[in-house]
Amino acid sequence: MSGVSRRYRPDRPIVPELASGAVIVHRPSGDVYLLHYRAEDRWGLPKGHVDPGESLAAAAVREVMEETGFHDVDLGPEIAEVSYRFYDAGRDVNVHKSSVYFLASTTERTAEPEDTFDTAAWVPLADALGRVRYESDKQVLLRAQSHLAEAPGAPIEKREGKG
């Protein structure tokens, strides 16, 4: 993120942001899909802003499709919500961001990541935990791991990206 400093500034105004995304699991390998953010040199999960009037589920499906290029994504249950604050120097505001994550799956292996990302990878979940930088991303991956362990082989329901 250009113009973003993670250091929160209590003297600046604050704006809320809501995002939705997913931990994408490849059927049948069980690998998870990570994106590498070029500008920040970090690995992360697909997610993005929820548009006004849009549901969290619809936003997750839309953002996954936009950021990865996958066309066949089955969205499962909500698995985590994380919140954090940071200062956005470009806008001279603090941001209080809440991100909701779902478990999702696909049979696709080949993706076409957006230009924001310089690379992407399918990796075993244990390896993904070592690649992500932020503790909040690790917690989301651990929740996905826990959910998958509780219901191994359980199908993830197909949800439409509308509404």
N, C-alpha and C. Protein backbone atom coordinates (compact mmCIF):
# COMPACT_ATOMS: atom_id res chain seq x y z
N MET A 1 0.84 -1.17 0.00
CA MET A 1 0.00 0.00 0.00
C MET A 1 0.88 1.23 0.00
N SER A 2 0.84 1.95 -1.03
CA SER A 2 1.62 3.17 -1.12
C SER A 2 1.02 4.22 -0.19
N GLY A 3 1.88 4.90 0.55
CA GLY A 3 1.40 5.95 1.43
C GLY A 3 0.85 5.46 2.75
N VAL A 4 1.04 4.19 3.07
CA VAL A 4 0.49 3.64 4.29
C VAL A 4 1.61 3.38 5.29
N SER A 5 1.42 3.85 6.49
CA SER A 5 2.32 3.54 7.59
C SER A 5 1.49 2.76 8.61
N ARG A 6 2.03 1.69 9.11
CA ARG A 6 1.29 0.89 10.08
C ARG A 6 1.18 1.58 11.44
N ARG A 7 1.96 2.65 11.67
CA ARG A 7 1.93 3.31 12.96
C ARG A 7 0.67 4.15 13.07
N TYR A 8 -0.19 3.77 14.00
CA TYR A 8 -1.45 4.48 14.26
C TYR A 8 -1.13 5.84 14.85
N ARG A 9 -1.88 6.87 14.41
CA ARG A 9 -1.67 8.24 14.88
C ARG A 9 -2.92 8.72 15.62
N PRO A 10 -2.90 8.72 16.93
CA PRO A 10 -4.09 9.11 17.70
C PRO A 10 -4.54 10.55 17.49
N ASP A 11 -3.69 11.40 16.90
CA ASP A 11 -4.06 12.80 16.67
C ASP A 11 -4.78 13.00 15.33
N ARG A 12 -4.95 11.96 14.54
CA ARG A 12 -5.58 12.06 13.21
C ARG A 12 -6.97 11.44 13.24
N PRO A 13 -7.85 11.89 12.34
CA PRO A 13 -9.20 11.31 12.29
C PRO A 13 -9.14 9.82 11.92
N ILE A 14 -10.22 9.13 12.23
CA ILE A 14 -10.28 7.70 11.93
C ILE A 14 -11.49 7.41 11.05
N VAL A 15 -11.32 6.50 10.10
CA VAL A 15 -12.42 6.08 9.22
C VAL A 15 -12.51 4.55 9.27
N PRO A 16 -13.76 4.03 9.25
CA PRO A 16 -13.92 2.58 9.25
C PRO A 16 -13.86 2.02 7.83
N GLU A 17 -13.34 0.81 7.69
CA GLU A 17 -13.36 0.09 6.42
C GLU A 17 -13.75 -1.35 6.71
N LEU A 18 -14.53 -1.93 5.80
CA LEU A 18 -14.96 -3.31 5.92
C LEU A 18 -14.49 -4.08 4.70
N ALA A 19 -13.85 -5.21 4.94
CA ALA A 19 -13.36 -6.06 3.86
C ALA A 19 -13.85 -7.48 4.06
N SER A 20 -13.85 -8.24 2.97
CA SER A 20 -14.25 -9.64 3.02
C SER A 20 -13.34 -10.43 2.09
N GLY A 21 -13.00 -11.64 2.50
CA GLY A 21 -12.11 -12.47 1.70
C GLY A 21 -12.25 -13.93 2.07
N ALA A 22 -11.25 -14.71 1.64
CA ALA A 22 -11.36 -16.15 1.85
C ALA A 22 -10.00 -16.83 1.92
N VAL A 23 -10.00 -17.95 2.63
CA VAL A 23 -8.91 -18.91 2.56
C VAL A 23 -9.37 -19.91 1.50
N ILE A 24 -8.67 -19.94 0.38
CA ILE A 24 -9.06 -20.82 -0.73
C ILE A 24 -8.28 -22.13 -0.63
N VAL A 25 -9.01 -23.23 -0.56
CA VAL A 25 -8.41 -24.56 -0.48
C VAL A 25 -8.60 -25.25 -1.82
N HIS A 26 -7.52 -25.86 -2.32
CA HIS A 26 -7.62 -26.60 -3.57
C HIS A 26 -8.13 -28.01 -3.28
N ARG A 27 -9.20 -28.39 -3.99
CA ARG A 27 -9.69 -29.76 -3.91
C ARG A 27 -8.99 -30.55 -5.01
N PRO A 28 -8.41 -31.66 -4.83
CA PRO A 28 -8.33 -32.46 -3.60
C PRO A 28 -7.02 -32.32 -2.84
N SER A 29 -6.06 -31.49 -3.28
CA SER A 29 -4.73 -31.47 -2.66
C SER A 29 -4.73 -30.94 -1.23
N GLY A 30 -5.66 -30.02 -0.92
CA GLY A 30 -5.68 -29.40 0.40
C GLY A 30 -4.77 -28.19 0.53
N ASP A 31 -4.04 -27.85 -0.54
CA ASP A 31 -3.18 -26.66 -0.52
C ASP A 31 -4.04 -25.40 -0.43
N VAL A 32 -3.44 -24.33 0.10
CA VAL A 32 -4.13 -23.04 0.16
C VAL A 32 -3.42 -22.06 -0.77
N TYR A 33 -4.18 -21.07 -1.23
CA TYR A 33 -3.70 -20.12 -2.22
C TYR A 33 -3.30 -18.82 -1.55
N LEU A 34 -2.06 -18.41 -1.77
CA LEU A 34 -1.57 -17.15 -1.24
C LEU A 34 -1.17 -16.21 -2.38
N LEU A 35 -1.35 -14.93 -2.14
CA LEU A 35 -0.96 -13.89 -3.09
C LEU A 35 0.20 -13.10 -2.49
N HIS A 36 1.14 -12.69 -3.33
CA HIS A 36 2.26 -11.89 -2.85
C HIS A 36 2.07 -10.45 -3.31
N TYR A 37 1.93 -9.55 -2.33
CA TYR A 37 1.72 -8.13 -2.59
C TYR A 37 3.06 -7.49 -2.99
N ARG A 38 3.13 -7.05 -4.22
CA ARG A 38 4.35 -6.47 -4.77
C ARG A 38 4.86 -5.29 -3.94
N ALA A 39 4.01 -4.31 -3.68
CA ALA A 39 4.44 -3.07 -3.03
C ALA A 39 4.86 -3.27 -1.58
N GLU A 40 4.30 -4.27 -0.92
CA GLU A 40 4.59 -4.49 0.50
C GLU A 40 5.53 -5.66 0.74
N ASP A 41 5.88 -6.40 -0.31
CA ASP A 41 6.72 -7.58 -0.20
C ASP A 41 6.23 -8.51 0.92
N ARG A 42 4.96 -8.89 0.79
CA ARG A 42 4.39 -9.79 1.80
C ARG A 42 3.37 -10.71 1.15
N TRP A 43 3.16 -11.87 1.78
CA TRP A 43 2.15 -12.83 1.36
C TRP A 43 0.86 -12.57 2.11
N GLY A 44 -0.27 -12.81 1.45
CA GLY A 44 -1.56 -12.61 2.10
C GLY A 44 -2.65 -13.41 1.43
N LEU A 45 -3.83 -13.22 1.93
CA LEU A 45 -5.03 -13.91 1.44
C LEU A 45 -5.84 -12.96 0.58
N PRO A 46 -6.59 -13.48 -0.37
CA PRO A 46 -7.44 -12.59 -1.17
C PRO A 46 -8.55 -11.98 -0.33
N LYS A 47 -8.67 -10.66 -0.43
CA LYS A 47 -9.74 -9.95 0.27
C LYS A 47 -9.84 -8.55 -0.31
N GLY A 48 -10.96 -7.89 -0.06
CA GLY A 48 -11.12 -6.53 -0.53
C GLY A 48 -12.34 -5.88 0.09
N HIS A 49 -12.54 -4.62 -0.26
CA HIS A 49 -13.62 -3.83 0.31
C HIS A 49 -15.00 -4.39 -0.04
N VAL A 50 -15.89 -4.26 0.93
CA VAL A 50 -17.30 -4.61 0.74
C VAL A 50 -17.98 -3.36 0.19
N ASP A 51 -18.64 -3.49 -0.94
CA ASP A 51 -19.35 -2.37 -1.54
C ASP A 51 -20.64 -2.07 -0.76
N PRO A 52 -21.11 -0.83 -0.75
CA PRO A 52 -22.37 -0.50 -0.06
C PRO A 52 -23.51 -1.39 -0.57
N GLY A 53 -24.25 -1.96 0.36
CA GLY A 53 -25.38 -2.80 0.02
C GLY A 53 -25.01 -4.23 -0.33
N GLU A 54 -23.73 -4.55 -0.35
CA GLU A 54 -23.26 -5.89 -0.72
C GLU A 54 -23.15 -6.77 0.53
N SER A 55 -23.45 -8.05 0.41
CA SER A 55 -23.28 -8.95 1.54
C SER A 55 -21.81 -9.33 1.68
N LEU A 56 -21.44 -9.79 2.87
CA LEU A 56 -20.06 -10.24 3.10
C LEU A 56 -19.71 -11.41 2.18
N ALA A 57 -20.64 -12.34 2.01
CA ALA A 57 -20.40 -13.50 1.16
C ALA A 57 -20.21 -13.09 -0.30
N ALA A 58 -21.06 -12.21 -0.78
CA ALA A 58 -20.95 -11.76 -2.17
C ALA A 58 -19.62 -11.02 -2.39
N ALA A 59 -19.23 -10.19 -1.41
CA ALA A 59 -17.97 -9.47 -1.53
C ALA A 59 -16.79 -10.43 -1.55
N ALA A 60 -16.84 -11.46 -0.71
CA ALA A 60 -15.75 -12.44 -0.67
C ALA A 60 -15.60 -13.13 -2.02
N VAL A 61 -16.71 -13.59 -2.60
CA VAL A 61 -16.66 -14.26 -3.90
C VAL A 61 -16.14 -13.30 -4.97
N ARG A 62 -16.66 -12.08 -4.99
CA ARG A 62 -16.24 -11.10 -6.00
C ARG A 62 -14.76 -10.80 -5.87
N GLU A 63 -14.30 -10.54 -4.67
CA GLU A 63 -12.90 -10.20 -4.46
C GLU A 63 -11.97 -11.36 -4.82
N VAL A 64 -12.36 -12.57 -4.44
CA VAL A 64 -11.55 -13.74 -4.81
C VAL A 64 -11.44 -13.85 -6.32
N MET A 65 -12.57 -13.70 -7.00
CA MET A 65 -12.55 -13.81 -8.46
C MET A 65 -11.73 -12.68 -9.09
N GLU A 66 -11.88 -11.45 -8.58
CA GLU A 66 -11.13 -10.31 -9.13
C GLU A 66 -9.63 -10.45 -8.88
N GLU A 67 -9.25 -10.85 -7.67
CA GLU A 67 -7.83 -10.87 -7.32
C GLU A 67 -7.10 -12.10 -7.84
N THR A 68 -7.81 -13.21 -8.02
CA THR A 68 -7.15 -14.45 -8.44
C THR A 68 -7.42 -14.83 -9.88
N GLY A 69 -8.55 -14.42 -10.42
CA GLY A 69 -8.94 -14.86 -11.76
C GLY A 69 -9.63 -16.21 -11.76
N PHE A 70 -9.83 -16.83 -10.59
CA PHE A 70 -10.56 -18.09 -10.54
C PHE A 70 -12.01 -17.84 -10.92
N HIS A 71 -12.61 -18.78 -11.62
CA HIS A 71 -13.99 -18.65 -12.07
C HIS A 71 -14.94 -19.56 -11.31
N ASP A 72 -14.41 -20.64 -10.73
CA ASP A 72 -15.24 -21.63 -10.04
C ASP A 72 -14.82 -21.68 -8.57
N VAL A 73 -15.47 -20.88 -7.75
CA VAL A 73 -15.14 -20.79 -6.34
C VAL A 73 -16.38 -21.16 -5.53
N ASP A 74 -16.23 -22.15 -4.66
CA ASP A 74 -17.30 -22.55 -3.76
C ASP A 74 -17.03 -21.91 -2.40
N LEU A 75 -17.96 -21.09 -1.94
CA LEU A 75 -17.78 -20.39 -0.67
C LEU A 75 -18.42 -21.18 0.45
N GLY A 76 -17.65 -21.40 1.49
CA GLY A 76 -18.14 -22.13 2.66
C GLY A 76 -18.45 -21.20 3.80
N PRO A 77 -18.28 -21.69 5.02
CA PRO A 77 -18.66 -20.93 6.20
C PRO A 77 -17.70 -19.78 6.51
N GLU A 78 -18.25 -18.80 7.22
CA GLU A 78 -17.42 -17.74 7.77
C GLU A 78 -16.55 -18.36 8.84
N ILE A 79 -15.24 -18.06 8.81
CA ILE A 79 -14.34 -18.69 9.78
C ILE A 79 -13.65 -17.70 10.71
N ALA A 80 -13.58 -16.43 10.34
CA ALA A 80 -12.86 -15.48 11.20
C ALA A 80 -13.22 -14.05 10.86
N GLU A 81 -13.07 -13.19 11.87
CA GLU A 81 -13.15 -11.75 11.68
C GLU A 81 -11.98 -11.14 12.45
N VAL A 82 -11.22 -10.30 11.77
CA VAL A 82 -10.09 -9.63 12.42
C VAL A 82 -10.23 -8.13 12.24
N SER A 83 -9.73 -7.39 13.22
CA SER A 83 -9.76 -5.93 13.16
C SER A 83 -8.40 -5.39 13.53
N TYR A 84 -8.03 -4.31 12.88
CA TYR A 84 -6.76 -3.66 13.17
C TYR A 84 -6.83 -2.20 12.74
N ARG A 85 -5.87 -1.41 13.25
CA ARG A 85 -5.82 0.01 12.91
C ARG A 85 -4.47 0.33 12.29
N PHE A 86 -4.48 1.30 11.39
CA PHE A 86 -3.24 1.79 10.81
C PHE A 86 -3.44 3.20 10.30
N TYR A 87 -2.34 3.88 10.09
CA TYR A 87 -2.37 5.24 9.57
C TYR A 87 -2.13 5.20 8.07
N ASP A 88 -2.98 5.87 7.30
CA ASP A 88 -2.85 5.98 5.85
C ASP A 88 -2.37 7.40 5.56
N ALA A 89 -1.07 7.55 5.33
CA ALA A 89 -0.48 8.86 5.13
C ALA A 89 -1.01 9.54 3.87
N GLY A 90 -1.33 8.76 2.85
CA GLY A 90 -1.85 9.34 1.61
C GLY A 90 -3.15 10.08 1.81
N ARG A 91 -3.96 9.61 2.73
CA ARG A 91 -5.24 10.26 3.04
C ARG A 91 -5.18 11.04 4.33
N ASP A 92 -4.07 10.93 5.07
CA ASP A 92 -3.88 11.58 6.37
C ASP A 92 -4.99 11.21 7.35
N VAL A 93 -5.32 9.90 7.38
CA VAL A 93 -6.33 9.39 8.30
C VAL A 93 -5.87 8.05 8.87
N ASN A 94 -6.38 7.75 10.04
CA ASN A 94 -6.26 6.41 10.59
C ASN A 94 -7.38 5.58 9.99
N VAL A 95 -7.12 4.32 9.81
CA VAL A 95 -8.14 3.40 9.31
C VAL A 95 -8.35 2.32 10.36
N HIS A 96 -9.61 2.09 10.70
CA HIS A 96 -9.97 0.94 11.54
C HIS A 96 -10.60 -0.07 10.60
N LYS A 97 -9.85 -1.12 10.29
CA LYS A 97 -10.29 -2.08 9.29
C LYS A 97 -10.75 -3.36 9.94
N SER A 98 -11.93 -3.83 9.53
CA SER A 98 -12.44 -5.13 9.93
C SER A 98 -12.52 -5.98 8.68
N SER A 99 -11.96 -7.18 8.77
CA SER A 99 -11.96 -8.10 7.64
C SER A 99 -12.59 -9.42 8.06
N VAL A 100 -13.55 -9.88 7.26
CA VAL A 100 -14.24 -11.13 7.52
C VAL A 100 -13.75 -12.14 6.48
N TYR A 101 -13.43 -13.35 6.96
CA TYR A 101 -12.92 -14.39 6.07
C TYR A 101 -13.83 -15.61 6.08
N PHE A 102 -13.96 -16.19 4.90
CA PHE A 102 -14.70 -17.42 4.69
C PHE A 102 -13.73 -18.51 4.29
N LEU A 103 -14.16 -19.75 4.42
CA LEU A 103 -13.44 -20.87 3.85
C LEU A 103 -14.01 -21.07 2.46
N ALA A 104 -13.16 -21.27 1.47
CA ALA A 104 -13.62 -21.46 0.10
C ALA A 104 -12.81 -22.57 -0.54
N SER A 105 -13.32 -23.10 -1.63
CA SER A 105 -12.58 -24.13 -2.34
C SER A 105 -12.75 -23.97 -3.84
N THR A 106 -11.82 -24.57 -4.56
CA THR A 106 -11.86 -24.57 -6.02
C THR A 106 -11.12 -25.80 -6.52
N THR A 107 -11.44 -26.21 -7.73
CA THR A 107 -10.69 -27.27 -8.39
C THR A 107 -9.67 -26.69 -9.35
N GLU A 108 -9.73 -25.39 -9.57
CA GLU A 108 -8.80 -24.73 -10.49
C GLU A 108 -7.41 -24.67 -9.88
N ARG A 109 -6.38 -24.78 -10.71
CA ARG A 109 -5.00 -24.66 -10.25
C ARG A 109 -4.34 -23.40 -10.82
N THR A 110 -4.74 -23.00 -12.01
CA THR A 110 -4.12 -21.87 -12.69
C THR A 110 -4.92 -20.61 -12.44
N ALA A 111 -4.22 -19.58 -11.99
CA ALA A 111 -4.88 -18.31 -11.68
C ALA A 111 -4.26 -17.19 -12.50
N GLU A 112 -4.95 -16.07 -12.51
CA GLU A 112 -4.47 -14.86 -13.16
C GLU A 112 -4.58 -13.71 -12.16
N PRO A 113 -3.58 -13.61 -11.24
CA PRO A 113 -3.66 -12.57 -10.21
C PRO A 113 -3.66 -11.16 -10.79
N GLU A 114 -4.33 -10.26 -10.07
CA GLU A 114 -4.34 -8.84 -10.43
C GLU A 114 -2.92 -8.29 -10.43
N ASP A 115 -2.74 -7.13 -11.03
CA ASP A 115 -1.42 -6.50 -11.13
C ASP A 115 -0.84 -6.09 -9.79
N THR A 116 -1.67 -5.97 -8.77
CA THR A 116 -1.20 -5.63 -7.42
C THR A 116 -0.23 -6.69 -6.90
N PHE A 117 -0.36 -7.89 -7.42
CA PHE A 117 0.42 -9.03 -6.94
C PHE A 117 1.48 -9.40 -7.97
N ASP A 118 2.69 -9.69 -7.50
CA ASP A 118 3.73 -10.07 -8.44
C ASP A 118 3.87 -11.58 -8.58
N THR A 119 3.30 -12.32 -7.66
CA THR A 119 3.29 -13.77 -7.76
C THR A 119 2.21 -14.32 -6.84
N ALA A 120 1.95 -15.61 -6.99
CA ALA A 120 0.99 -16.31 -6.15
C ALA A 120 1.44 -17.76 -6.07
N ALA A 121 0.93 -18.50 -5.09
CA ALA A 121 1.37 -19.88 -4.94
C ALA A 121 0.33 -20.71 -4.21
N TRP A 122 0.22 -21.97 -4.63
CA TRP A 122 -0.50 -22.99 -3.88
C TRP A 122 0.51 -23.62 -2.94
N VAL A 123 0.23 -23.60 -1.64
CA VAL A 123 1.17 -24.16 -0.66
C VAL A 123 0.40 -24.95 0.39
N PRO A 124 1.05 -25.96 0.99
CA PRO A 124 0.41 -26.64 2.12
C PRO A 124 0.10 -25.63 3.22
N LEU A 125 -0.95 -25.87 3.94
CA LEU A 125 -1.39 -24.92 4.96
C LEU A 125 -0.28 -24.63 5.97
N ALA A 126 0.47 -25.64 6.38
CA ALA A 126 1.56 -25.43 7.33
C ALA A 126 2.60 -24.46 6.76
N ASP A 127 2.89 -24.56 5.47
CA ASP A 127 3.83 -23.64 4.84
C ASP A 127 3.25 -22.23 4.75
N ALA A 128 1.96 -22.13 4.52
CA ALA A 128 1.30 -20.82 4.44
C ALA A 128 1.45 -20.08 5.76
N LEU A 129 1.36 -20.80 6.87
CA LEU A 129 1.52 -20.17 8.19
C LEU A 129 2.89 -19.54 8.34
N GLY A 130 3.89 -20.12 7.71
CA GLY A 130 5.24 -19.57 7.78
C GLY A 130 5.48 -18.43 6.82
N ARG A 131 4.66 -18.31 5.80
CA ARG A 131 4.85 -17.25 4.80
C ARG A 131 4.19 -15.94 5.15
N VAL A 132 3.01 -15.98 5.78
CA VAL A 132 2.29 -14.74 6.05
C VAL A 132 2.99 -13.97 7.17
N ARG A 133 3.00 -12.65 7.05
CA ARG A 133 3.73 -11.79 7.98
C ARG A 133 2.91 -11.43 9.21
N TYR A 134 1.65 -11.12 9.01
CA TYR A 134 0.84 -10.58 10.10
C TYR A 134 0.18 -11.68 10.93
N GLU A 135 0.16 -11.44 12.24
CA GLU A 135 -0.44 -12.40 13.16
C GLU A 135 -1.92 -12.62 12.83
N SER A 136 -2.60 -11.58 12.37
CA SER A 136 -4.03 -11.74 12.03
C SER A 136 -4.20 -12.75 10.88
N ASP A 137 -3.30 -12.73 9.90
CA ASP A 137 -3.38 -13.71 8.81
C ASP A 137 -3.10 -15.13 9.33
N LYS A 138 -2.15 -15.24 10.25
CA LYS A 138 -1.86 -16.56 10.85
C LYS A 138 -3.09 -17.09 11.58
N GLN A 139 -3.77 -16.20 12.31
CA GLN A 139 -4.97 -16.62 13.05
C GLN A 139 -6.07 -17.09 12.10
N VAL A 140 -6.23 -16.41 10.98
CA VAL A 140 -7.23 -16.82 9.99
C VAL A 140 -6.88 -18.20 9.44
N LEU A 141 -5.62 -18.41 9.12
CA LEU A 141 -5.20 -19.72 8.61
C LEU A 141 -5.37 -20.82 9.66
N LEU A 142 -5.09 -20.50 10.91
CA LEU A 142 -5.31 -21.49 11.98
C LEU A 142 -6.79 -21.83 12.13
N ARG A 143 -7.66 -20.83 11.97
CA ARG A 143 -9.11 -21.11 12.03
C ARG A 143 -9.53 -22.00 10.87
N ALA A 144 -8.95 -21.77 9.69
CA ALA A 144 -9.25 -22.63 8.54
C ALA A 144 -8.76 -24.05 8.82
N GLN A 145 -7.57 -24.17 9.37
CA GLN A 145 -7.01 -25.49 9.68
C GLN A 145 -7.90 -26.22 10.68
N SER A 146 -8.36 -25.51 11.70
CA SER A 146 -9.23 -26.10 12.71
C SER A 146 -10.55 -26.56 12.10
N HIS A 147 -11.13 -25.71 11.24
CA HIS A 147 -12.40 -26.06 10.60
C HIS A 147 -12.23 -27.30 9.71
N LEU A 148 -11.15 -27.33 8.96
CA LEU A 148 -10.91 -28.47 8.07
C LEU A 148 -10.67 -29.75 8.85
N ALA A 149 -10.02 -29.64 10.02
CA ALA A 149 -9.76 -30.81 10.86
C ALA A 149 -11.05 -31.35 11.48
N GLU A 150 -11.99 -30.46 11.78
CA GLU A 150 -13.27 -30.88 12.38
C GLU A 150 -14.16 -31.57 11.38
N ALA A 151 -14.04 -31.22 10.10
CA ALA A 151 -14.91 -31.80 9.07
C ALA A 151 -14.08 -32.19 7.85
N PRO A 152 -13.14 -33.15 8.03
CA PRO A 152 -12.31 -33.51 6.88
C PRO A 152 -13.14 -34.09 5.74
N GLY A 153 -12.87 -33.62 4.56
CA GLY A 153 -13.57 -34.13 3.38
C GLY A 153 -14.97 -33.60 3.21
N ALA A 154 -15.43 -32.77 4.16
CA ALA A 154 -16.79 -32.23 4.04
C ALA A 154 -16.84 -31.27 2.86
N PRO A 155 -17.89 -31.36 2.07
CA PRO A 155 -17.98 -30.46 0.92
C PRO A 155 -18.25 -29.03 1.38
N ILE A 156 -17.74 -28.11 0.61
CA ILE A 156 -18.03 -26.70 0.84
C ILE A 156 -19.17 -26.34 -0.10
N GLU A 157 -20.23 -25.78 0.46
CA GLU A 157 -21.40 -25.46 -0.35
C GLU A 157 -21.11 -24.40 -1.40
N LYS A 158 -21.75 -24.54 -2.52
CA LYS A 158 -21.63 -23.54 -3.59
C LYS A 158 -22.54 -22.37 -3.23
N ARG A 159 -21.99 -21.16 -3.28
CA ARG A 159 -22.79 -19.95 -3.06
C ARG A 159 -22.56 -19.02 -4.21
N GLU A 160 -23.59 -18.38 -4.60
CA GLU A 160 -23.47 -17.40 -5.67
C GLU A 160 -22.87 -16.11 -5.13
N GLY A 161 -22.20 -15.39 -5.97
CA GLY A 161 -21.56 -14.14 -5.56
C GLY A 161 -22.48 -12.95 -5.67
N LYS A 162 -23.74 -13.12 -5.51
CA LYS A 162 -24.70 -12.02 -5.62
C LYS A 162 -25.36 -11.77 -4.28
N GLY A 163 -25.78 -10.48 -4.09
CA GLY A 163 -26.61 -10.16 -2.94
C GLY A 163 -25.92 -9.77 -1.73
